[in-house]
Amino acid sequence: MDHAYADVNGVHLHYVTEGRGPLIVFVHGFPEFWYAWRDQLREFGRDHQAVAPDMRGYNLSAKPADVAQYRVANMVEDLRALAARLGHPRFVLVGHDWGGVVAWAFAIAHPQRLEKLVIVNAPHPAIFEREIRRNPAQQSASRYMLVFRSPEAEAILAANDHARLVEMFERELGPRFTAADRAAYREAWSQPGALTGGLNYYRAAGVGPPSGEGDPARSFGADPSRLIVRVPTLVIWGEQDRALLTGNLDGLEKFVPDLTVRRVPDGSHWVIHESPELVNRYIRDFLAGTAAQ
């Protein structure tokens, strides 16, 4: 795997690349970095140029101070410019968690740039709008977003050598989250400004459940008729996700006409870590056109 940097859309992005061929871009979420996709880089680098950036605000990429710089539209443009810099007019985009949020937005804004879209445990904006406003279970599951938007979030997450962040992984992954993984993540979280950069995604979006009496739930806020995804799309969903419930799949076909859903009944939010071979197979089948509808 090769490490490289690109100056795109006004930010200095670090990325890791493996292999040659058609471009496939893997986009991480919170609180991860390029390393989340290491198994996919190895697999898809066999016949693609497989690329995983550190998103703005994370690890070795630039960390703008202005919270407004972390609006989803800016990350969409980061990815568009990075793919162009790499010389690929069209590519496959894969996103998990916040990376999936950005990937959904990219597909809506630039369908002509994508061959296919793969989403792993990340809600479509129109569906999440419904769930965060109407589903009490999703509102309860999303309470953590209020903490992440708070001024105290950095101190809470950094305390005791990032114990809360480590626990987020260990609770689901157990020994699969190895000592080497812990060391790699702690190093990434310890980069100056990295915790703030990741948390600023939540702050810029203002997304979350009601914070109290009279406070409305807040989502990404857009006209649902403008949120149709006109790209062949695979959604992989770990059904044991504690933060993003399976209601986020209900009615998804209304917004994604060319949709394949692969449910992983025993998978958590961290399904790419729990079952990398399964995730890779689902993506392989989808790219080959053999995924069952």
C-alpha atoms as a PDB file:
ATOM      1  CA  MET A   1       0.000   0.000   0.000  1.00  0.00           C
ATOM      2  CA  ASP A   2       1.276   3.441  -0.932  1.00  0.00           C
ATOM      3  CA  HIS A   3       0.657   6.608   1.068  1.00  0.00           C
ATOM      4  CA  ALA A   4       0.188   9.856  -0.832  1.00  0.00           C
ATOM      5  CA  TYR A   5      -1.189  13.384  -0.525  1.00  0.00           C
ATOM      6  CA  ALA A   6      -3.286  15.564  -2.794  1.00  0.00           C
ATOM      7  CA  ASP A   7      -4.236  19.234  -2.557  1.00  0.00           C
ATOM      8  CA  VAL A   8      -7.884  19.285  -3.612  1.00  0.00           C
ATOM      9  CA  ASN A   9     -10.767  21.658  -2.961  1.00  0.00           C
ATOM     10  CA  GLY A  10      -8.580  23.800  -0.719  1.00  0.00           C
ATOM     11  CA  VAL A  11      -7.535  20.983   1.625  1.00  0.00           C
ATOM     12  CA  HIS A  12      -4.481  18.738   1.911  1.00  0.00           C
ATOM     13  CA  LEU A  13      -5.754  15.143   1.885  1.00  0.00           C
ATOM     14  CA  HIS A  14      -3.820  12.043   2.822  1.00  0.00           C
ATOM     15  CA  TYR A  15      -4.843   8.822   1.117  1.00  0.00           C
ATOM     16  CA  VAL A  16      -3.685   5.237   0.742  1.00  0.00           C
ATOM     17  CA  THR A  17      -3.759   3.516  -2.632  1.00  0.00           C
ATOM     18  CA  GLU A  18      -3.292  -0.075  -3.732  1.00  0.00           C
ATOM     19  CA  GLY A  19      -3.233  -1.604  -7.200  1.00  0.00           C
ATOM     20  CA  ARG A  20      -4.036  -0.422 -10.703  1.00  0.00           C
ATOM     21  CA  GLY A  21      -7.169  -0.436 -12.803  1.00  0.00           C
ATOM     22  CA  PRO A  22     -10.619   1.133 -12.497  1.00  0.00           C
ATOM     23  CA  LEU A  23     -10.957   3.380  -9.462  1.00  0.00           C
ATOM     24  CA  ILE A  24     -12.818   2.285  -6.338  1.00  0.00           C
ATOM     25  CA  VAL A  25     -12.848   4.756  -3.426  1.00  0.00           C
ATOM     26  CA  PHE A  26     -13.541   3.706   0.176  1.00  0.00           C
ATOM     27  CA  VAL A  27     -14.745   6.422   2.558  1.00  0.00           C
ATOM     28  CA  HIS A  28     -14.571   5.964   6.337  1.00  0.00           C
ATOM     29  CA  GLY A  29     -16.812   7.386   9.034  1.00  0.00           C
ATOM     30  CA  PHE A  30     -16.461   8.418  12.683  1.00  0.00           C
ATOM     31  CA  PRO A  31     -14.204   7.779  14.539  1.00  0.00           C
ATOM     32  CA  GLU A  32     -12.123   5.981  11.927  1.00  0.00           C
ATOM     33  CA  PHE A  33      -9.541   6.759   9.246  1.00  0.00           C
ATOM     34  CA  TRP A  34      -8.240   5.114   6.077  1.00  0.00           C
ATOM     35  CA  TYR A  35      -7.157   2.040   8.085  1.00  0.00           C
ATOM     36  CA  ALA A  36     -10.789   0.946   8.469  1.00  0.00           C
ATOM     37  CA  TRP A  37     -10.669  -0.239   4.845  1.00  0.00           C
ATOM     38  CA  ARG A  38      -7.338  -2.078   4.925  1.00  0.00           C
ATOM     39  CA  ASP A  39      -8.947  -5.450   4.130  1.00  0.00           C
ATOM     40  CA  GLN A  40     -10.833  -3.943   1.191  1.00  0.00           C
ATOM     41  CA  LEU A  41      -7.715  -2.214  -0.139  1.00  0.00           C
ATOM     42  CA  ARG A  42      -5.895  -5.545  -0.222  1.00  0.00           C
ATOM     43  CA  GLU A  43      -8.782  -7.347  -1.905  1.00  0.00           C
ATOM     44  CA  PHE A  44      -9.848  -4.789  -4.496  1.00  0.00           C
ATOM     45  CA  GLY A  45      -6.315  -3.621  -5.170  1.00  0.00           C
ATOM     46  CA  ARG A  46      -5.854  -6.908  -7.022  1.00  0.00           C
ATOM     47  CA  ASP A  47      -7.783  -5.554 -10.028  1.00  0.00           C
ATOM     48  CA  HIS A  48      -8.627  -1.911  -9.224  1.00  0.00           C
ATOM     49  CA  GLN A  49      -6.924   1.210  -8.076  1.00  0.00           C
ATOM     50  CA  ALA A  50      -8.329   0.991  -4.562  1.00  0.00           C
ATOM     51  CA  VAL A  51      -8.096   4.260  -2.643  1.00  0.00           C
ATOM     52  CA  ALA A  52      -9.015   5.134   0.948  1.00  0.00           C
ATOM     53  CA  PRO A  53      -8.569   8.773   1.983  1.00  0.00           C
ATOM     54  CA  ASP A  54      -8.371  10.205   5.444  1.00  0.00           C
ATOM     55  CA  MET A  55     -11.378  12.492   5.194  1.00  0.00           C
ATOM     56  CA  ARG A  56     -10.856  16.165   6.018  1.00  0.00           C
ATOM     57  CA  GLY A  57     -10.539  16.554   9.761  1.00  0.00           C
ATOM     58  CA  TYR A  58      -9.067  13.093  10.300  1.00  0.00           C
ATOM     59  CA  ASN A  59      -5.637  11.609  10.975  1.00  0.00           C
ATOM     60  CA  LEU A  60      -3.095  12.989   8.460  1.00  0.00           C
ATOM     61  CA  SER A  61      -5.464  15.132   6.374  1.00  0.00           C
ATOM     62  CA  ALA A  62      -6.036  18.861   6.859  1.00  0.00           C
ATOM     63  CA  LYS A  63      -8.291  19.974   9.694  1.00  0.00           C
ATOM     64  CA  PRO A  64      -9.934  23.324   8.907  1.00  0.00           C
ATOM     65  CA  ALA A  65     -10.824  25.353  11.993  1.00  0.00           C
ATOM     66  CA  ASP A  66     -14.183  26.627  10.721  1.00  0.00           C
ATOM     67  CA  VAL A  67     -17.031  24.228  11.554  1.00  0.00           C
ATOM     68  CA  ALA A  68     -18.794  25.234   8.324  1.00  0.00           C
ATOM     69  CA  GLN A  69     -15.954  23.582   6.413  1.00  0.00           C
ATOM     70  CA  TYR A  70     -17.341  20.217   7.553  1.00  0.00           C
ATOM     71  CA  ARG A  71     -20.662  20.477   5.759  1.00  0.00           C
ATOM     72  CA  VAL A  72     -21.380  17.418   3.653  1.00  0.00           C
ATOM     73  CA  ALA A  73     -21.221  19.345   0.382  1.00  0.00           C
ATOM     74  CA  ASN A  74     -17.565  20.159   1.038  1.00  0.00           C
ATOM     75  CA  MET A  75     -16.640  16.502   1.498  1.00  0.00           C
ATOM     76  CA  VAL A  76     -18.537  15.629  -1.678  1.00  0.00           C
ATOM     77  CA  GLU A  77     -16.366  18.103  -3.541  1.00  0.00           C
ATOM     78  CA  ASP A  78     -13.229  16.703  -1.872  1.00  0.00           C
ATOM     79  CA  LEU A  79     -14.017  13.282  -3.327  1.00  0.00           C
ATOM     80  CA  ARG A  80     -14.948  14.619  -6.754  1.00  0.00           C
ATOM     81  CA  ALA A  81     -11.688  16.550  -6.947  1.00  0.00           C
ATOM     82  CA  LEU A  82      -9.613  13.632  -5.639  1.00  0.00           C
ATOM     83  CA  ALA A  83     -11.019  11.242  -8.261  1.00  0.00           C
ATOM     84  CA  ALA A  84     -10.349  13.822 -10.964  1.00  0.00           C
ATOM     85  CA  ARG A  85      -6.790  14.288  -9.686  1.00  0.00           C
ATOM     86  CA  LEU A  86      -6.296  10.531  -9.920  1.00  0.00           C
ATOM     87  CA  GLY A  87      -7.440  10.636 -13.542  1.00  0.00           C
ATOM     88  CA  HIS A  88     -10.716   8.722 -13.310  1.00  0.00           C
ATOM     89  CA  PRO A  89     -13.841  10.398 -14.730  1.00  0.00           C
ATOM     90  CA  ARG A  90     -16.054   7.603 -13.322  1.00  0.00           C
ATOM     91  CA  PHE A  91     -15.545   5.307 -10.363  1.00  0.00           C
ATOM     92  CA  VAL A  92     -17.136   3.069  -7.742  1.00  0.00           C
ATOM     93  CA  LEU A  93     -17.787   4.735  -4.375  1.00  0.00           C
ATOM     94  CA  VAL A  94     -18.043   2.815  -1.092  1.00  0.00           C
ATOM     95  CA  GLY A  95     -18.948   4.524   2.190  1.00  0.00           C
ATOM     96  CA  HIS A  96     -19.572   3.537   5.820  1.00  0.00           C
ATOM     97  CA  ASP A  97     -21.147   5.651   8.590  1.00  0.00           C
ATOM     98  CA  TRP A  98     -20.347   9.340   7.860  1.00  0.00           C
ATOM     99  CA  GLY A  99     -18.487   8.148   4.786  1.00  0.00           C
ATOM    100  CA  GLY A 100     -21.784   6.661   3.676  1.00  0.00           C
ATOM    101  CA  VAL A 101     -23.589   9.937   4.336  1.00  0.00           C
ATOM    102  CA  VAL A 102     -21.084  11.661   2.059  1.00  0.00           C
ATOM    103  CA  ALA A 103     -21.394   8.856  -0.502  1.00  0.00           C
ATOM    104  CA  TRP A 104     -25.196   9.174  -0.624  1.00  0.00           C
ATOM    105  CA  ALA A 105     -24.819  12.921  -1.142  1.00  0.00           C
ATOM    106  CA  PHE A 106     -22.205  12.379  -3.855  1.00  0.00           C
ATOM    107  CA  ALA A 107     -24.481   9.987  -5.742  1.00  0.00           C
ATOM    108  CA  ILE A 108     -27.372  12.430  -5.566  1.00  0.00           C
ATOM    109  CA  ALA A 109     -25.239  15.368  -6.727  1.00  0.00           C
ATOM    110  CA  HIS A 110     -23.015  13.630  -9.290  1.00  0.00           C
ATOM    111  CA  PRO A 111     -24.645  10.421 -10.564  1.00  0.00           C
ATOM    112  CA  GLN A 112     -22.807  10.739 -13.862  1.00  0.00           C
ATOM    113  CA  ARG A 113     -19.483  10.333 -12.031  1.00  0.00           C
ATOM    114  CA  LEU A 114     -20.324   6.959 -10.492  1.00  0.00           C
ATOM    115  CA  GLU A 115     -20.327   3.482 -11.967  1.00  0.00           C
ATOM    116  CA  LYS A 116     -21.862   2.042  -8.810  1.00  0.00           C
ATOM    117  CA  LEU A 117     -22.478   2.978  -5.176  1.00  0.00           C
ATOM    118  CA  VAL A 118     -21.974   0.801  -2.092  1.00  0.00           C
ATOM    119  CA  ILE A 119     -23.282   1.865   1.320  1.00  0.00           C
ATOM    120  CA  VAL A 120     -22.507   0.113   4.614  1.00  0.00           C
ATOM    121  CA  ASN A 121     -24.639   1.049   7.634  1.00  0.00           C
ATOM    122  CA  ALA A 122     -25.283   4.649   6.676  1.00  0.00           C
ATOM    123  CA  PRO A 123     -28.799   6.085   6.356  1.00  0.00           C
ATOM    124  CA  HIS A 124     -30.201   7.715   3.248  1.00  0.00           C
ATOM    125  CA  PRO A 125     -30.977  11.341   4.187  1.00  0.00           C
ATOM    126  CA  ALA A 126     -34.710  11.136   3.431  1.00  0.00           C
ATOM    127  CA  ILE A 127     -35.158   7.921   5.387  1.00  0.00           C
ATOM    128  CA  PHE A 128     -33.151   9.201   8.349  1.00  0.00           C
ATOM    129  CA  GLU A 129     -35.250  12.386   8.322  1.00  0.00           C
ATOM    130  CA  ARG A 130     -38.339  10.220   8.821  1.00  0.00           C
ATOM    131  CA  GLU A 131     -36.772   7.951  11.432  1.00  0.00           C
ATOM    132  CA  ILE A 132     -35.215  10.677  13.586  1.00  0.00           C
ATOM    133  CA  ARG A 133     -38.509  12.590  13.655  1.00  0.00           C
ATOM    134  CA  ARG A 134     -41.023   9.758  13.993  1.00  0.00           C
ATOM    135  CA  ASN A 135     -39.325   6.685  15.449  1.00  0.00           C
ATOM    136  CA  PRO A 136     -38.763   6.930  19.224  1.00  0.00           C
ATOM    137  CA  ALA A 137     -36.362   3.983  19.111  1.00  0.00           C
ATOM    138  CA  GLN A 138     -34.137   5.748  16.572  1.00  0.00           C
ATOM    139  CA  GLN A 139     -34.345   8.961  18.579  1.00  0.00           C
ATOM    140  CA  SER A 140     -33.122   7.082  21.644  1.00  0.00           C
ATOM    141  CA  ALA A 141     -30.377   5.333  19.673  1.00  0.00           C
ATOM    142  CA  SER A 142     -29.197   8.715  18.359  1.00  0.00           C
ATOM    143  CA  ARG A 143     -28.786  10.412  21.741  1.00  0.00           C
ATOM    144  CA  TYR A 144     -25.016  10.107  21.401  1.00  0.00           C
ATOM    145  CA  MET A 145     -25.178  12.733  18.645  1.00  0.00           C
ATOM    146  CA  LEU A 146     -26.089  15.371  21.234  1.00  0.00           C
ATOM    147  CA  VAL A 147     -22.941  14.495  23.191  1.00  0.00           C
ATOM    148  CA  PHE A 148     -20.804  14.608  20.054  1.00  0.00           C
ATOM    149  CA  ARG A 149     -22.140  18.087  19.205  1.00  0.00           C
ATOM    150  CA  SER A 150     -21.447  19.416  22.711  1.00  0.00           C
ATOM    151  CA  PRO A 151     -18.420  21.566  23.644  1.00  0.00           C
ATOM    152  CA  GLU A 152     -17.335  18.851  26.094  1.00  0.00           C
ATOM    153  CA  ALA A 153     -17.136  16.094  23.486  1.00  0.00           C
ATOM    154  CA  GLU A 154     -13.380  16.260  22.909  1.00  0.00           C
ATOM    155  CA  ALA A 155     -12.582  15.986  26.613  1.00  0.00           C
ATOM    156  CA  ILE A 156     -15.032  13.126  27.094  1.00  0.00           C
ATOM    157  CA  LEU A 157     -13.640  11.112  24.194  1.00  0.00           C
ATOM    158  CA  ALA A 158      -9.956  11.822  24.899  1.00  0.00           C
ATOM    159  CA  ALA A 159     -10.141  10.901  28.598  1.00  0.00           C
ATOM    160  CA  ASN A 160      -8.173   7.883  29.821  1.00  0.00           C
ATOM    161  CA  ASP A 161      -6.321   7.394  26.543  1.00  0.00           C
ATOM    162  CA  HIS A 162      -9.498   7.544  24.442  1.00  0.00           C
ATOM    163  CA  ALA A 163     -11.217   4.881  26.537  1.00  0.00           C
ATOM    164  CA  ARG A 164     -14.726   5.749  25.328  1.00  0.00           C
ATOM    165  CA  LEU A 165     -13.702   5.431  21.687  1.00  0.00           C
ATOM    166  CA  VAL A 166     -11.883   2.154  22.277  1.00  0.00           C
ATOM    167  CA  GLU A 167     -14.962   0.822  24.061  1.00  0.00           C
ATOM    168  CA  MET A 168     -17.127   1.668  21.039  1.00  0.00           C
ATOM    169  CA  PHE A 169     -15.167  -0.920  19.075  1.00  0.00           C
ATOM    170  CA  GLU A 170     -14.408  -3.460  21.792  1.00  0.00           C
ATOM    171  CA  ARG A 171     -18.050  -3.749  22.868  1.00  0.00           C
ATOM    172  CA  GLU A 172     -18.931  -5.248  19.480  1.00  0.00           C
ATOM    173  CA  LEU A 173     -15.628  -6.618  18.188  1.00  0.00           C
ATOM    174  CA  GLY A 174     -14.083  -8.047  21.350  1.00  0.00           C
ATOM    175  CA  PRO A 175     -10.700  -9.644  20.590  1.00  0.00           C
ATOM    176  CA  ARG A 176     -11.103  -8.864  16.895  1.00  0.00           C
ATOM    177  CA  PHE A 177     -10.165  -5.293  17.845  1.00  0.00           C
ATOM    178  CA  THR A 178      -6.530  -6.187  18.420  1.00  0.00           C
ATOM    179  CA  ALA A 179      -3.742  -4.458  20.297  1.00  0.00           C
ATOM    180  CA  ALA A 180      -2.331  -3.363  16.932  1.00  0.00           C
ATOM    181  CA  ASP A 181      -5.714  -1.888  16.004  1.00  0.00           C
ATOM    182  CA  ARG A 182      -5.947  -0.021  19.311  1.00  0.00           C
ATOM    183  CA  ALA A 183      -2.476   1.428  18.799  1.00  0.00           C
ATOM    184  CA  ALA A 184      -3.249   2.505  15.228  1.00  0.00           C
ATOM    185  CA  TYR A 185      -6.520   4.179  16.200  1.00  0.00           C
ATOM    186  CA  ARG A 186      -5.061   5.903  19.250  1.00  0.00           C
ATOM    187  CA  GLU A 187      -2.285   7.307  17.083  1.00  0.00           C
ATOM    188  CA  ALA A 188      -4.856   8.645  14.599  1.00  0.00           C
ATOM    189  CA  TRP A 189      -7.045  10.132  17.352  1.00  0.00           C
ATOM    190  CA  SER A 190      -3.970  11.784  18.882  1.00  0.00           C
ATOM    191  CA  GLN A 191      -3.116  13.772  15.760  1.00  0.00           C
ATOM    192  CA  PRO A 192      -3.507  17.486  16.607  1.00  0.00           C
ATOM    193  CA  GLY A 193      -7.092  18.544  15.994  1.00  0.00           C
ATOM    194  CA  ALA A 194      -8.270  15.108  14.868  1.00  0.00           C
ATOM    195  CA  LEU A 195     -10.992  14.614  17.479  1.00  0.00           C
ATOM    196  CA  THR A 196     -12.373  18.078  16.804  1.00  0.00           C
ATOM    197  CA  GLY A 197     -12.287  17.474  13.068  1.00  0.00           C
ATOM    198  CA  GLY A 198     -14.343  14.308  13.316  1.00  0.00           C
ATOM    199  CA  LEU A 199     -16.814  15.804  15.784  1.00  0.00           C
ATOM    200  CA  ASN A 200     -17.282  18.828  13.550  1.00  0.00           C
ATOM    201  CA  TYR A 201     -19.177  16.621  11.089  1.00  0.00           C
ATOM    202  CA  TYR A 202     -21.921  16.352  13.710  1.00  0.00           C
ATOM    203  CA  ARG A 203     -21.711  20.027  14.607  1.00  0.00           C
ATOM    204  CA  ALA A 204     -21.861  21.254  11.026  1.00  0.00           C
ATOM    205  CA  ALA A 205     -24.856  19.060  10.207  1.00  0.00           C
ATOM    206  CA  GLY A 206     -26.642  19.767  13.499  1.00  0.00           C
ATOM    207  CA  VAL A 207     -28.161  16.317  13.154  1.00  0.00           C
ATOM    208  CA  GLY A 208     -29.684  14.503  16.118  1.00  0.00           C
ATOM    209  CA  PRO A 209     -32.761  13.737  18.217  1.00  0.00           C
ATOM    210  CA  PRO A 210     -34.679  16.320  20.267  1.00  0.00           C
ATOM    211  CA  SER A 211     -32.474  17.658  23.047  1.00  0.00           C
ATOM    212  CA  GLY A 212     -35.368  18.579  25.308  1.00  0.00           C
ATOM    213  CA  GLU A 213     -38.903  19.894  25.583  1.00  0.00           C
ATOM    214  CA  GLY A 214     -39.859  21.857  22.478  1.00  0.00           C
ATOM    215  CA  ASP A 215     -36.625  21.107  20.638  1.00  0.00           C
ATOM    216  CA  PRO A 216     -37.256  19.371  17.300  1.00  0.00           C
ATOM    217  CA  ALA A 217     -35.322  16.446  15.925  1.00  0.00           C
ATOM    218  CA  ARG A 218     -32.863  17.570  13.287  1.00  0.00           C
ATOM    219  CA  SER A 219     -31.777  15.765  10.162  1.00  0.00           C
ATOM    220  CA  PHE A 220     -30.012  16.715   6.956  1.00  0.00           C
ATOM    221  CA  GLY A 221     -33.012  18.728   5.749  1.00  0.00           C
ATOM    222  CA  ALA A 222     -33.728  18.586   2.033  1.00  0.00           C
ATOM    223  CA  ASP A 223     -36.694  18.183  -0.295  1.00  0.00           C
ATOM    224  CA  PRO A 224     -37.216  14.389  -0.563  1.00  0.00           C
ATOM    225  CA  SER A 225     -38.036  14.709  -4.262  1.00  0.00           C
ATOM    226  CA  ARG A 226     -34.461  15.899  -4.810  1.00  0.00           C
ATOM    227  CA  LEU A 227     -32.923  12.917  -3.016  1.00  0.00           C
ATOM    228  CA  ILE A 228     -33.423  10.218  -5.642  1.00  0.00           C
ATOM    229  CA  VAL A 229     -30.286   8.136  -6.226  1.00  0.00           C
ATOM    230  CA  ARG A 230     -29.931   7.336  -9.920  1.00  0.00           C
ATOM    231  CA  VAL A 231     -26.947   5.016  -9.550  1.00  0.00           C
ATOM    232  CA  PRO A 232     -26.958   1.208  -9.134  1.00  0.00           C
ATOM    233  CA  THR A 233     -26.660   0.832  -5.373  1.00  0.00           C
ATOM    234  CA  LEU A 234     -25.753  -1.934  -2.939  1.00  0.00           C
ATOM    235  CA  VAL A 235     -26.608  -1.440   0.727  1.00  0.00           C
ATOM    236  CA  ILE A 236     -24.947  -3.770   3.247  1.00  0.00           C
ATOM    237  CA  TRP A 237     -26.483  -3.514   6.718  1.00  0.00           C
ATOM    238  CA  GLY A 238     -25.410  -5.089   9.990  1.00  0.00           C
ATOM    239  CA  GLU A 239     -28.774  -5.533  11.672  1.00  0.00           C
ATOM    240  CA  GLN A 240     -27.376  -5.374  15.218  1.00  0.00           C
ATOM    241  CA  ASP A 241     -26.266  -1.755  14.764  1.00  0.00           C
ATOM    242  CA  ARG A 242     -27.059  -0.008  18.069  1.00  0.00           C
ATOM    243  CA  ALA A 243     -26.906   3.491  16.584  1.00  0.00           C
ATOM    244  CA  LEU A 244     -28.591   3.138  13.195  1.00  0.00           C
ATOM    245  CA  LEU A 245     -31.604   0.848  13.382  1.00  0.00           C
ATOM    246  CA  THR A 246     -33.018  -1.324  10.608  1.00  0.00           C
ATOM    247  CA  GLY A 247     -35.934   1.070  10.127  1.00  0.00           C
ATOM    248  CA  ASN A 248     -33.466   3.017   8.002  1.00  0.00           C
ATOM    249  CA  LEU A 249     -33.979   0.346   5.320  1.00  0.00           C
ATOM    250  CA  ASP A 250     -37.779   0.628   5.250  1.00  0.00           C
ATOM    251  CA  GLY A 251     -38.984   2.315   2.062  1.00  0.00           C
ATOM    252  CA  LEU A 252     -35.454   2.845   0.765  1.00  0.00           C
ATOM    253  CA  GLU A 253     -36.440   1.559  -2.677  1.00  0.00           C
ATOM    254  CA  LYS A 254     -38.610   4.665  -3.151  1.00  0.00           C
ATOM    255  CA  PHE A 255     -35.448   6.768  -3.244  1.00  0.00           C
ATOM    256  CA  VAL A 256     -33.101   4.217  -4.827  1.00  0.00           C
ATOM    257  CA  PRO A 257     -34.796   2.569  -7.827  1.00  0.00           C
ATOM    258  CA  ASP A 258     -31.831   0.300  -8.664  1.00  0.00           C
ATOM    259  CA  LEU A 259     -31.277  -1.152  -5.194  1.00  0.00           C
ATOM    260  CA  THR A 260     -29.737  -4.336  -3.813  1.00  0.00           C
ATOM    261  CA  VAL A 261     -29.858  -4.869  -0.034  1.00  0.00           C
ATOM    262  CA  ARG A 262     -27.698  -7.384   1.799  1.00  0.00           C
ATOM    263  CA  ARG A 263     -28.660  -7.766   5.456  1.00  0.00           C
ATOM    264  CA  VAL A 264     -26.160  -9.243   7.903  1.00  0.00           C
ATOM    265  CA  PRO A 265     -28.381 -10.478  10.760  1.00  0.00           C
ATOM    266  CA  ASP A 266     -25.583 -10.853  13.321  1.00  0.00           C
ATOM    267  CA  GLY A 267     -23.550  -7.884  12.090  1.00  0.00           C
ATOM    268  CA  SER A 268     -23.069  -4.711  14.116  1.00  0.00           C
ATOM    269  CA  HIS A 269     -22.256  -1.183  13.019  1.00  0.00           C
ATOM    270  CA  TRP A 270     -18.691  -2.461  12.564  1.00  0.00           C
ATOM    271  CA  VAL A 271     -19.592  -5.189  10.069  1.00  0.00           C
ATOM    272  CA  ILE A 272     -16.646  -4.269   7.827  1.00  0.00           C
ATOM    273  CA  HIS A 273     -14.364  -5.292  10.711  1.00  0.00           C
ATOM    274  CA  GLU A 274     -16.381  -8.296  11.865  1.00  0.00           C
ATOM    275  CA  SER A 275     -16.906  -9.886   8.466  1.00  0.00           C
ATOM    276  CA  PRO A 276     -14.456  -8.421   5.934  1.00  0.00           C
ATOM    277  CA  GLU A 277     -14.570 -11.490   3.679  1.00  0.00           C
ATOM    278  CA  LEU A 278     -18.378 -11.388   3.561  1.00  0.00           C
ATOM    279  CA  VAL A 279     -18.411  -7.654   2.845  1.00  0.00           C
ATOM    280  CA  ASN A 280     -15.818  -8.147   0.114  1.00  0.00           C
ATOM    281  CA  ARG A 281     -17.859 -10.955  -1.448  1.00  0.00           C
ATOM    282  CA  TYR A 282     -21.029  -8.888  -1.462  1.00  0.00           C
ATOM    283  CA  ILE A 283     -19.178  -6.023  -3.144  1.00  0.00           C
ATOM    284  CA  ARG A 284     -17.522  -8.390  -5.639  1.00  0.00           C
ATOM    285  CA  ASP A 285     -20.867  -9.945  -6.576  1.00  0.00           C
ATOM    286  CA  PHE A 286     -22.418  -6.513  -6.985  1.00  0.00           C
ATOM    287  CA  LEU A 287     -19.628  -5.211  -9.191  1.00  0.00           C
ATOM    288  CA  ALA A 288     -19.890  -8.362 -11.315  1.00  0.00           C
ATOM    289  CA  GLY A 289     -23.649  -7.945 -11.640  1.00  0.00           C
ATOM    290  CA  THR A 290     -24.430 -11.188  -9.822  1.00  0.00           C
ATOM    291  CA  ALA A 291     -25.914  -9.823  -6.579  1.00  0.00           C
ATOM    292  CA  ALA A 292     -29.398 -11.174  -5.907  1.00  0.00           C
ATOM    293  CA  GLN A 293     -32.102  -8.573  -5.685  1.00  0.00           C
END
